C-alpha atoms as a PDB file:
ATOM      1  CA  MET A   1      93.023  90.587 125.327  1.00  0.00           C
ATOM      2  CA  THR A   2      89.965  91.822 127.175  1.00  0.00           C
ATOM      3  CA  GLU A   3      88.149  95.107 127.151  1.00  0.00           C
ATOM      4  CA  LEU A   4      90.130  97.258 129.591  1.00  0.00           C
ATOM      5  CA  SER A   5      87.676 100.019 130.244  1.00  0.00           C
ATOM      6  CA  THR A   6      83.970 100.602 130.438  1.00  0.00           C
ATOM      7  CA  THR A   7      82.721 102.066 127.234  1.00  0.00           C
ATOM      8  CA  ALA A   8      81.329 105.531 127.110  1.00  0.00           C
ATOM      9  CA  GLU A   9      78.109 104.183 125.713  1.00  0.00           C
ATOM     10  CA  SER A  10      77.539 101.912 128.692  1.00  0.00           C
ATOM     11  CA  THR A  11      77.600 104.857 131.092  1.00  0.00           C
ATOM     12  CA  ALA A  12      75.642 107.315 129.017  1.00  0.00           C
ATOM     13  CA  VAL A  13      71.914 107.721 129.328  1.00  0.00           C
ATOM     14  CA  ALA A  14      70.226 106.929 126.048  1.00  0.00           C
ATOM     15  CA  PRO A  15      68.314 109.912 124.668  1.00  0.00           C
ATOM     16  CA  ALA A  16      64.676 109.608 123.784  1.00  0.00           C
ATOM     17  CA  PRO A  17      64.087 108.446 120.243  1.00  0.00           C
ATOM     18  CA  PRO A  18      63.480 111.430 117.991  1.00  0.00           C
ATOM     19  CA  LEU A  19      60.298 111.753 116.055  1.00  0.00           C
ATOM     20  CA  GLY A  20      60.284 111.068 112.347  1.00  0.00           C
ATOM     21  CA  ALA A  21      62.104 108.698 110.088  1.00  0.00           C
ATOM     22  CA  ARG A  22      65.632 107.504 110.705  1.00  0.00           C
ATOM     23  CA  VAL A  23      68.503 109.182 108.924  1.00  0.00           C
ATOM     24  CA  ARG A  24      69.661 107.646 105.687  1.00  0.00           C
ATOM     25  CA  LEU A  25      72.212 104.858 105.754  1.00  0.00           C
ATOM     26  CA  PRO A  26      75.250 106.879 104.482  1.00  0.00           C
ATOM     27  CA  ALA A  27      74.621 109.664 106.999  1.00  0.00           C
ATOM     28  CA  GLY A  28      74.144 107.134 109.788  1.00  0.00           C
ATOM     29  CA  ILE A  29      77.372 105.343 108.917  1.00  0.00           C
ATOM     30  CA  ALA A  30      79.272 108.639 108.863  1.00  0.00           C
ATOM     31  CA  ALA A  31      77.857 109.685 112.247  1.00  0.00           C
ATOM     32  CA  VAL A  32      78.687 106.391 113.955  1.00  0.00           C
ATOM     33  CA  ALA A  33      82.141 106.237 112.362  1.00  0.00           C
ATOM     34  CA  ALA A  34      82.971 109.791 113.458  1.00  0.00           C
ATOM     35  CA  GLY A  35      82.096 108.971 117.048  1.00  0.00           C
ATOM     36  CA  GLN A  36      84.047 105.720 117.017  1.00  0.00           C
ATOM     37  CA  VAL A  37      87.191 107.131 115.408  1.00  0.00           C
ATOM     38  CA  GLY A  38      87.960 109.284 118.437  1.00  0.00           C
ATOM     39  CA  ARG A  39      87.490 106.371 120.790  1.00  0.00           C
ATOM     40  CA  VAL A  40      89.616 104.018 118.725  1.00  0.00           C
ATOM     41  CA  ARG A  41      92.398 106.597 118.488  1.00  0.00           C
ATOM     42  CA  ILE A  42      92.533 107.020 122.264  1.00  0.00           C
ATOM     43  CA  ALA A  43      91.747 103.544 123.586  1.00  0.00           C
ATOM     44  CA  ARG A  44      93.241 101.369 120.848  1.00  0.00           C
ATOM     45  CA  GLY A  45      96.099 103.449 119.498  1.00  0.00           C
ATOM     46  CA  PRO A  46      98.820 101.449 121.283  1.00  0.00           C
ATOM     47  CA  LEU A  47      97.294  98.159 120.108  1.00  0.00           C
ATOM     48  CA  LEU A  48      97.204  99.378 116.525  1.00  0.00           C
ATOM     49  CA  PHE A  49     100.902 100.178 116.835  1.00  0.00           C
ATOM     50  CA  VAL A  50     101.506  96.675 118.191  1.00  0.00           C
ATOM     51  CA  ALA A  51      99.646  95.185 115.219  1.00  0.00           C
ATOM     52  CA  THR A  52     102.045  96.920 112.818  1.00  0.00           C
ATOM     53  CA  VAL A  53     105.159  95.993 114.797  1.00  0.00           C
ATOM     54  CA  GLN A  54     103.944  92.381 114.999  1.00  0.00           C
ATOM     55  CA  SER A  55     103.603  92.115 111.233  1.00  0.00           C
ATOM     56  CA  LEU A  56     106.902  93.866 110.571  1.00  0.00           C
ATOM     57  CA  GLY A  57     108.568  91.483 113.014  1.00  0.00           C
ATOM     58  CA  LEU A  58     107.229  88.498 111.074  1.00  0.00           C
ATOM     59  CA  VAL A  59     108.485  89.924 107.795  1.00  0.00           C
ATOM     60  CA  VAL A  60     111.986  90.470 109.182  1.00  0.00           C
ATOM     61  CA  LEU A  61     112.121  87.197 111.113  1.00  0.00           C
ATOM     62  CA  LEU A  62     111.050  85.013 108.203  1.00  0.00           C
ATOM     63  CA  ARG A  63     113.497  86.761 105.886  1.00  0.00           C
ATOM     64  CA  GLY A  64     116.267  84.859 107.572  1.00  0.00           C
ATOM     65  CA  ILE A  65     114.841  81.446 106.706  1.00  0.00           C
ATOM     66  CA  VAL A  66     113.498  82.058 103.188  1.00  0.00           C
ATOM     67  CA  HIS A  67     115.684  81.492 100.140  1.00  0.00           C
ATOM     68  CA  ARG A  68     116.080  84.728  98.224  1.00  0.00           C
ATOM     69  CA  HIS A  69     115.052  83.161  94.913  1.00  0.00           C
ATOM     70  CA  ASP A  70     111.798  81.644  96.204  1.00  0.00           C
ATOM     71  CA  LEU A  71     109.598  84.487  94.986  1.00  0.00           C
ATOM     72  CA  ALA A  72     106.284  82.692  95.562  1.00  0.00           C
ATOM     73  CA  THR A  73     107.072  82.078  99.226  1.00  0.00           C
ATOM     74  CA  SER A  74     108.422  85.602  99.688  1.00  0.00           C
ATOM     75  CA  ALA A  75     105.320  87.126  98.120  1.00  0.00           C
ATOM     76  CA  SER A  76     103.057  85.049 100.381  1.00  0.00           C
ATOM     77  CA  ILE A  77     104.960  86.113 103.488  1.00  0.00           C
ATOM     78  CA  VAL A  78     104.754  89.803 102.597  1.00  0.00           C
ATOM     79  CA  ALA A  79     101.095  89.638 101.573  1.00  0.00           C
ATOM     80  CA  GLY A  80     100.091  87.512 104.555  1.00  0.00           C
ATOM     81  CA  SER A  81     101.879  89.787 107.019  1.00  0.00           C
ATOM     82  CA  THR A  82     100.221  92.824 105.438  1.00  0.00           C
ATOM     83  CA  ILE A  83      96.701  91.414 105.770  1.00  0.00           C
ATOM     84  CA  LEU A  84      97.560  90.283 109.309  1.00  0.00           C
ATOM     85  CA  VAL A  85      97.512  93.949 110.349  1.00  0.00           C
ATOM     86  CA  VAL A  86      93.920  94.071 109.136  1.00  0.00           C
ATOM     87  CA  ALA A  87      93.036  90.812 110.891  1.00  0.00           C
ATOM     88  CA  PHE A  88      94.422  92.016 114.218  1.00  0.00           C
ATOM     89  CA  VAL A  89      92.290  95.156 114.160  1.00  0.00           C
ATOM     90  CA  ALA A  90      89.206  94.393 112.056  1.00  0.00           C
ATOM     91  CA  LEU A  91      88.704  90.831 113.289  1.00  0.00           C
ATOM     92  CA  ASN A  92      90.236  90.579 116.746  1.00  0.00           C
ATOM     93  CA  LEU A  93      89.568  94.030 118.199  1.00  0.00           C
ATOM     94  CA  LEU A  94      86.161  94.434 116.580  1.00  0.00           C
ATOM     95  CA  ALA A  95      84.973  91.106 117.993  1.00  0.00           C
ATOM     96  CA  GLN A  96      86.042  92.342 121.430  1.00  0.00           C
ATOM     97  CA  ARG A  97      84.322  95.679 120.900  1.00  0.00           C
ATOM     98  CA  PHE A  98      80.922  94.305 119.925  1.00  0.00           C
ATOM     99  CA  GLY A  99      81.190  91.563 122.529  1.00  0.00           C
ATOM    100  CA  ALA A 100      81.755  94.185 125.221  1.00  0.00           C
ATOM    101  CA  LEU A 101      78.886  96.338 123.921  1.00  0.00           C
ATOM    102  CA  ARG A 102      76.534  93.362 123.965  1.00  0.00           C
ATOM    103  CA  ALA A 103      77.616  92.217 127.432  1.00  0.00           C
ATOM    104  CA  SER A 104      77.191  95.686 128.963  1.00  0.00           C
ATOM    105  CA  ALA A 105      73.815  96.330 127.288  1.00  0.00           C
ATOM    106  CA  ALA A 106      75.379  99.398 125.665  1.00  0.00           C
ATOM    107  CA  LEU A 107      73.669  98.481 122.405  1.00  0.00           C
ATOM    108  CA  ASP A 108      70.556 100.119 123.852  1.00  0.00           C
ATOM    109  CA  TYR A 109      72.339 103.440 123.357  1.00  0.00           C
ATOM    110  CA  TYR A 110      72.471 102.841 119.615  1.00  0.00           C
ATOM    111  CA  ALA A 111      68.897 101.554 119.606  1.00  0.00           C
ATOM    112  CA  ALA A 112      67.772 104.975 120.815  1.00  0.00           C
ATOM    113  CA  MET A 113      69.595 106.749 118.007  1.00  0.00           C
ATOM    114  CA  PRO A 114      67.877 107.486 114.681  1.00  0.00           C
ATOM    115  CA  VAL A 115      70.206 105.175 112.773  1.00  0.00           C
ATOM    116  CA  SER A 116      69.684 101.657 111.505  1.00  0.00           C
ATOM    117  CA  PRO A 117      71.524  98.630 112.956  1.00  0.00           C
ATOM    118  CA  SER A 118      73.334  98.294 109.635  1.00  0.00           C
ATOM    119  CA  ALA A 119      74.678 101.843 110.021  1.00  0.00           C
ATOM    120  CA  VAL A 120      75.961 101.007 113.512  1.00  0.00           C
ATOM    121  CA  VAL A 121      77.787  97.911 112.276  1.00  0.00           C
ATOM    122  CA  LEU A 122      79.166  99.569 109.141  1.00  0.00           C
ATOM    123  CA  GLY A 123      80.187 102.761 110.935  1.00  0.00           C
ATOM    124  CA  THR A 124      81.977 100.923 113.728  1.00  0.00           C
ATOM    125  CA  ALA A 125      83.666  98.564 111.268  1.00  0.00           C
ATOM    126  CA  ALA A 126      84.771 101.472 109.091  1.00  0.00           C
ATOM    127  CA  SER A 127      86.291 103.318 112.040  1.00  0.00           C
ATOM    128  CA  TYR A 128      88.373 100.306 113.066  1.00  0.00           C
ATOM    129  CA  ALA A 129      89.335  99.343 109.529  1.00  0.00           C
ATOM    130  CA  SER A 130      90.526 102.854 108.674  1.00  0.00           C
ATOM    131  CA  PHE A 131      93.325 102.541 111.203  1.00  0.00           C
ATOM    132  CA  THR A 132      94.739  99.464 109.496  1.00  0.00           C
ATOM    133  CA  VAL A 133      95.742 101.217 106.279  1.00  0.00           C
ATOM    134  CA  PRO A 134      98.966 102.972 107.436  1.00  0.00           C
ATOM    135  CA  GLY A 135     100.341  99.900 109.186  1.00  0.00           C
ATOM    136  CA  ALA A 136      99.459  97.609 106.297  1.00  0.00           C
ATOM    137  CA  VAL A 137     101.080  99.914 103.741  1.00  0.00           C
ATOM    138  CA  VAL A 138     104.255 100.227 105.831  1.00  0.00           C
ATOM    139  CA  THR A 139     104.443  96.441 106.213  1.00  0.00           C
ATOM    140  CA  ALA A 140     103.984  95.937 102.471  1.00  0.00           C
ATOM    141  CA  VAL A 141     106.640  98.496 101.519  1.00  0.00           C
ATOM    142  CA  VAL A 142     109.194  97.145 103.996  1.00  0.00           C
ATOM    143  CA  GLY A 143     108.489  93.578 102.884  1.00  0.00           C
ATOM    144  CA  VAL A 144     108.928  94.387  99.204  1.00  0.00           C
ATOM    145  CA  VAL A 145     112.243  96.095  99.926  1.00  0.00           C
ATOM    146  CA  ILE A 146     113.855  93.441 102.121  1.00  0.00           C
ATOM    147  CA  TYR A 147     112.643  90.517  99.987  1.00  0.00           C
ATOM    148  CA  GLY A 148     113.570  92.218  96.721  1.00  0.00           C
ATOM    149  CA  LEU A 149     110.123  91.753  95.196  1.00  0.00           C
ATOM    150  CA  PRO A 150     108.872  93.693  92.150  1.00  0.00           C
ATOM    151  CA  ALA A 151     107.318  96.969  93.298  1.00  0.00           C
ATOM    152  CA  ALA A 152     105.629  97.980  90.050  1.00  0.00           C
ATOM    153  CA  HIS A 153     102.220  96.824  91.251  1.00  0.00           C
ATOM    154  CA  LEU A 154     102.579  97.645  94.936  1.00  0.00           C
ATOM    155  CA  TRP A 155      99.467  99.826  94.642  1.00  0.00           C
ATOM    156  CA  VAL A 156      97.367  96.638  94.788  1.00  0.00           C
ATOM    157  CA  VAL A 157      97.916  96.738  98.560  1.00  0.00           C
ATOM    158  CA  VAL A 158      95.236  99.448  98.801  1.00  0.00           C
ATOM    159  CA  PRO A 159      92.307  97.493  97.275  1.00  0.00           C
ATOM    160  CA  ALA A 160      93.534  94.290  98.932  1.00  0.00           C
ATOM    161  CA  VAL A 161      93.523  95.924 102.372  1.00  0.00           C
ATOM    162  CA  ALA A 162      90.167  97.574 101.651  1.00  0.00           C
ATOM    163  CA  VAL A 163      88.315  94.369 100.731  1.00  0.00           C
ATOM    164  CA  ALA A 164      90.048  92.396 103.486  1.00  0.00           C
ATOM    165  CA  SER A 165      88.912  95.060 105.965  1.00  0.00           C
ATOM    166  CA  VAL A 166      85.315  94.676 104.800  1.00  0.00           C
ATOM    167  CA  ALA A 167      85.421  90.876 105.077  1.00  0.00           C
ATOM    168  CA  LEU A 168      87.265  90.644 108.390  1.00  0.00           C
ATOM    169  CA  SER A 169      85.316  93.503 109.967  1.00  0.00           C
ATOM    170  CA  GLY A 170      82.077  91.750 109.085  1.00  0.00           C
ATOM    171  CA  VAL A 171      83.235  88.504 110.647  1.00  0.00           C
ATOM    172  CA  GLY A 172      84.602  90.288 113.720  1.00  0.00           C
ATOM    173  CA  ALA A 173      81.347  92.165 114.293  1.00  0.00           C
ATOM    174  CA  LEU A 174      79.343  88.985 113.762  1.00  0.00           C
ATOM    175  CA  LEU A 175      81.403  87.064 116.320  1.00  0.00           C
ATOM    176  CA  GLY A 176      80.973  89.794 118.904  1.00  0.00           C
ATOM    177  CA  LEU A 177      77.210  89.988 118.375  1.00  0.00           C
ATOM    178  CA  VAL A 178      76.398  86.279 118.091  1.00  0.00           C
ATOM    179  CA  LEU A 179      78.488  84.687 120.822  1.00  0.00           C
ATOM    180  CA  PRO A 180      76.757  84.781 124.217  1.00  0.00           C
ATOM    181  CA  ARG A 181      79.733  86.050 126.253  1.00  0.00           C
ATOM    182  CA  SER A 182      82.313  88.725 125.556  1.00  0.00           C
ATOM    183  CA  GLU A 183      85.092  86.354 126.618  1.00  0.00           C
ATOM    184  CA  LEU A 184      84.057  83.899 123.925  1.00  0.00           C
ATOM    185  CA  ALA A 185      84.038  86.710 121.353  1.00  0.00           C
ATOM    186  CA  THR A 186      87.571  87.642 122.399  1.00  0.00           C
ATOM    187  CA  ILE A 187      88.786  84.054 122.080  1.00  0.00           C
ATOM    188  CA  ALA A 188      87.058  83.586 118.723  1.00  0.00           C
ATOM    189  CA  GLY A 189      88.561  86.808 117.391  1.00  0.00           C
ATOM    190  CA  GLN A 190      92.049  85.764 118.450  1.00  0.00           C
ATOM    191  CA  LEU A 191      91.622  82.307 116.942  1.00  0.00           C
ATOM    192  CA  GLY A 192      90.448  83.873 113.705  1.00  0.00           C
ATOM    193  CA  MET A 193      93.461  86.163 113.654  1.00  0.00           C
ATOM    194  CA  THR A 194      95.724  83.151 114.253  1.00  0.00           C
ATOM    195  CA  ALA A 195      94.112  81.330 111.320  1.00  0.00           C
ATOM    196  CA  VAL A 196      94.777  84.302 109.053  1.00  0.00           C
ATOM    197  CA  LEU A 197      98.356  84.395 110.335  1.00  0.00           C
ATOM    198  CA  PHE A 198      99.289  80.786 109.640  1.00  0.00           C
ATOM    199  CA  LEU A 199      97.191  80.209 106.531  1.00  0.00           C
ATOM    200  CA  GLY A 200      98.016  83.595 105.060  1.00  0.00           C
ATOM    201  CA  ILE A 201     101.813  83.675 105.222  1.00  0.00           C
ATOM    202  CA  ILE A 202     102.271  80.095 103.972  1.00  0.00           C
ATOM    203  CA  ALA A 203     102.056  79.721 100.199  1.00  0.00           C
ATOM    204  CA  PRO A 204      99.066  77.505  99.228  1.00  0.00           C
ATOM    205  CA  THR A 205     101.341  75.147  97.291  1.00  0.00           C
ATOM    206  CA  HIS A 206     103.217  74.375 100.528  1.00  0.00           C
ATOM    207  CA  LEU A 207     100.077  73.289 102.382  1.00  0.00           C
ATOM    208  CA  PRO A 208      98.494  69.804 102.453  1.00  0.00           C
ATOM    209  CA  LEU A 209      95.190  69.388 100.623  1.00  0.00           C
ATOM    210  CA  VAL A 210      93.128  69.459 103.832  1.00  0.00           C
ATOM    211  CA  ALA A 211      94.711  72.742 104.895  1.00  0.00           C
ATOM    212  CA  ARG A 212      94.109  74.207 101.443  1.00  0.00           C
ATOM    213  CA  GLY A 213      90.413  73.449 101.785  1.00  0.00           C
ATOM    214  CA  LEU A 214      90.335  75.111 105.202  1.00  0.00           C
ATOM    215  CA  ARG A 215      92.261  78.057 103.836  1.00  0.00           C
ATOM    216  CA  ALA A 216      89.680  78.603 101.116  1.00  0.00           C
ATOM    217  CA  VAL A 217      86.950  79.390 103.668  1.00  0.00           C
ATOM    218  CA  VAL A 218      89.016  81.636 105.946  1.00  0.00           C
ATOM    219  CA  PRO A 219      88.073  85.258 105.200  1.00  0.00           C
ATOM    220  CA  GLY A 220      90.923  87.412 103.967  1.00  0.00           C
ATOM    221  CA  THR A 221      93.067  84.676 102.440  1.00  0.00           C
ATOM    222  CA  LEU A 222      91.836  85.449  98.931  1.00  0.00           C
ATOM    223  CA  ALA A 223      92.926  89.055  99.454  1.00  0.00           C
ATOM    224  CA  VAL A 224      96.317  87.698 100.531  1.00  0.00           C
ATOM    225  CA  ASP A 225      96.545  85.661  97.316  1.00  0.00           C
ATOM    226  CA  ALA A 226      95.509  88.638  95.179  1.00  0.00           C
ATOM    227  CA  PHE A 227      98.177  90.869  96.703  1.00  0.00           C
ATOM    228  CA  ALA A 228     100.795  88.108  96.598  1.00  0.00           C
ATOM    229  CA  ASP A 229     100.121  87.541  92.895  1.00  0.00           C
ATOM    230  CA  SER A 230     100.621  91.257  92.209  1.00  0.00           C
ATOM    231  CA  LEU A 231     104.101  91.052  93.772  1.00  0.00           C
ATOM    232  CA  ARG A 232     105.294  88.643  91.107  1.00  0.00           C
ATOM    233  CA  ALA A 233     106.837  89.563  87.792  1.00  0.00           C
ATOM    234  CA  HIS A 234     103.788  88.713  85.684  1.00  0.00           C
ATOM    235  CA  PRO A 235     100.539  88.882  87.707  1.00  0.00           C
ATOM    236  CA  ASP A 236      97.403  87.133  86.525  1.00  0.00           C
ATOM    237  CA  TRP A 237      95.152  90.197  86.629  1.00  0.00           C
ATOM    238  CA  THR A 238      91.975  88.230  86.012  1.00  0.00           C
ATOM    239  CA  ALA A 239      92.662  86.092  89.060  1.00  0.00           C
ATOM    240  CA  VAL A 240      93.636  89.160  91.118  1.00  0.00           C
ATOM    241  CA  VAL A 241      90.387  90.988  90.341  1.00  0.00           C
ATOM    242  CA  LEU A 242      88.273  87.876  90.869  1.00  0.00           C
ATOM    243  CA  ARG A 243      89.803  87.204  94.284  1.00  0.00           C
ATOM    244  CA  LEU A 244      89.244  90.793  95.365  1.00  0.00           C
ATOM    245  CA  LEU A 245      85.620  90.707  94.237  1.00  0.00           C
ATOM    246  CA  VAL A 246      84.931  87.417  96.030  1.00  0.00           C
ATOM    247  CA  THR A 247      86.489  88.811  99.212  1.00  0.00           C
ATOM    248  CA  LEU A 248      84.321  91.909  98.920  1.00  0.00           C
ATOM    249  CA  GLY A 249      81.222  89.755  98.436  1.00  0.00           C
ATOM    250  CA  TYR A 250      82.172  87.722 101.490  1.00  0.00           C
ATOM    251  CA  GLY A 251      82.404  90.936 103.497  1.00  0.00           C
ATOM    252  CA  VAL A 252      79.055  92.271 102.293  1.00  0.00           C
ATOM    253  CA  VAL A 253      77.342  89.060 103.394  1.00  0.00           C
ATOM    254  CA  ALA A 254      79.137  89.065 106.770  1.00  0.00           C
ATOM    255  CA  LEU A 255      78.226  92.699 107.440  1.00  0.00           C
ATOM    256  CA  ALA A 256      74.601  92.062 106.493  1.00  0.00           C
ATOM    257  CA  LEU A 257      74.453  89.137 108.915  1.00  0.00           C
ATOM    258  CA  ALA A 258      76.076  91.271 111.609  1.00  0.00           C
ATOM    259  CA  GLY A 259      73.423  93.950 111.073  1.00  0.00           C
ATOM    260  CA  ARG A 260      70.681  91.367 111.563  1.00  0.00           C
ATOM    261  CA  ALA A 261      72.433  90.040 114.676  1.00  0.00           C
ATOM    262  CA  LEU A 262      72.606  93.563 116.102  1.00  0.00           C
ATOM    263  CA  ARG A 263      68.893  94.089 115.446  1.00  0.00           C
ATOM    264  CA  ARG A 264      68.069  90.852 117.274  1.00  0.00           C
ATOM    265  CA  ALA A 265      70.358  91.708 120.186  1.00  0.00           C
ATOM    266  CA  VAL A 266      68.671  95.093 120.592  1.00  0.00           C
ATOM    267  CA  ASP A 267      65.147  93.645 120.382  1.00  0.00           C
ATOM    268  CA  ARG A 268      65.738  91.155 123.188  1.00  0.00           C
END
C-alpha cells in the first residue's frame, strides 16, 4: 500500500523555533502522540479494521486444518495471528508513514517544534501502536474460544502486545527513516509483516533449523512465543518473562536508532 494523501505536515508552514530549551521527553511524546492519534483515526481507521479482520480470518481458516489435540500448534496460530495485528500497523503502516514524511520533507515541520527527535519517533509510534490493542485482544479471545485453549492466562496478551508494539514500531520507524525512497520503505514494511506472519503462526518445532535461526532475529516472534506459552496448561513463566524482556530491549534499541536516523534526516 502507498500513502494515499498528502500529510498535513507537508502542507503546513513550520513555525519559528521558540526560544528556550526544548520540552521534556514525556511531554514531547504526549504532544506528538495526541496530534497523530487524530490523523491515524481518520486516515488509517479502515486499514486498522482490515488488520483485525485479516488476523481473525487466519485464525478461522487454519482451524479447519489443525487437529484439535495439537495444543502447541493451536497456541502458535492464535499467538501469531494476534501479534500479526501489531505487525500490520506498527511495522507496515509506520514504515509507510515515516517514509512519506521523509520523502515530502515534512520532517522539517517537526524540526521546528521544541521537541526532540526521540519524542517524535516515540510519539508517532505510540499513536499507531495504541490502535492495535483492541484488534489484538479480539483476535486472541476468538482464537482461544474456537481452538479450546486454556484461558486462565489470557491476560498475557496485554504485555505481549505492548512489547511487540515497541519492537515492531521501532523497526517500522527505522525502515521509513533509513531507506532512501518511500516506496522501498513500503515494500520493506510489507516484507517484514509477511515474515512475522509466516514465522509467527508456525510452531518453532515445525520449522527447519535454518528457518528457526531466521525466526530468532525477526522482531516480535519472541512475544509470539511468550503468549503462545501462556496459552498452554502449564506455562514456563521464567521463559515467558525473559522473552518479553528481550523483545522490549529489542524495541528500545530500535527506537533509539530510529531517533538518531530522524535527527540525521532533519540535519541534511
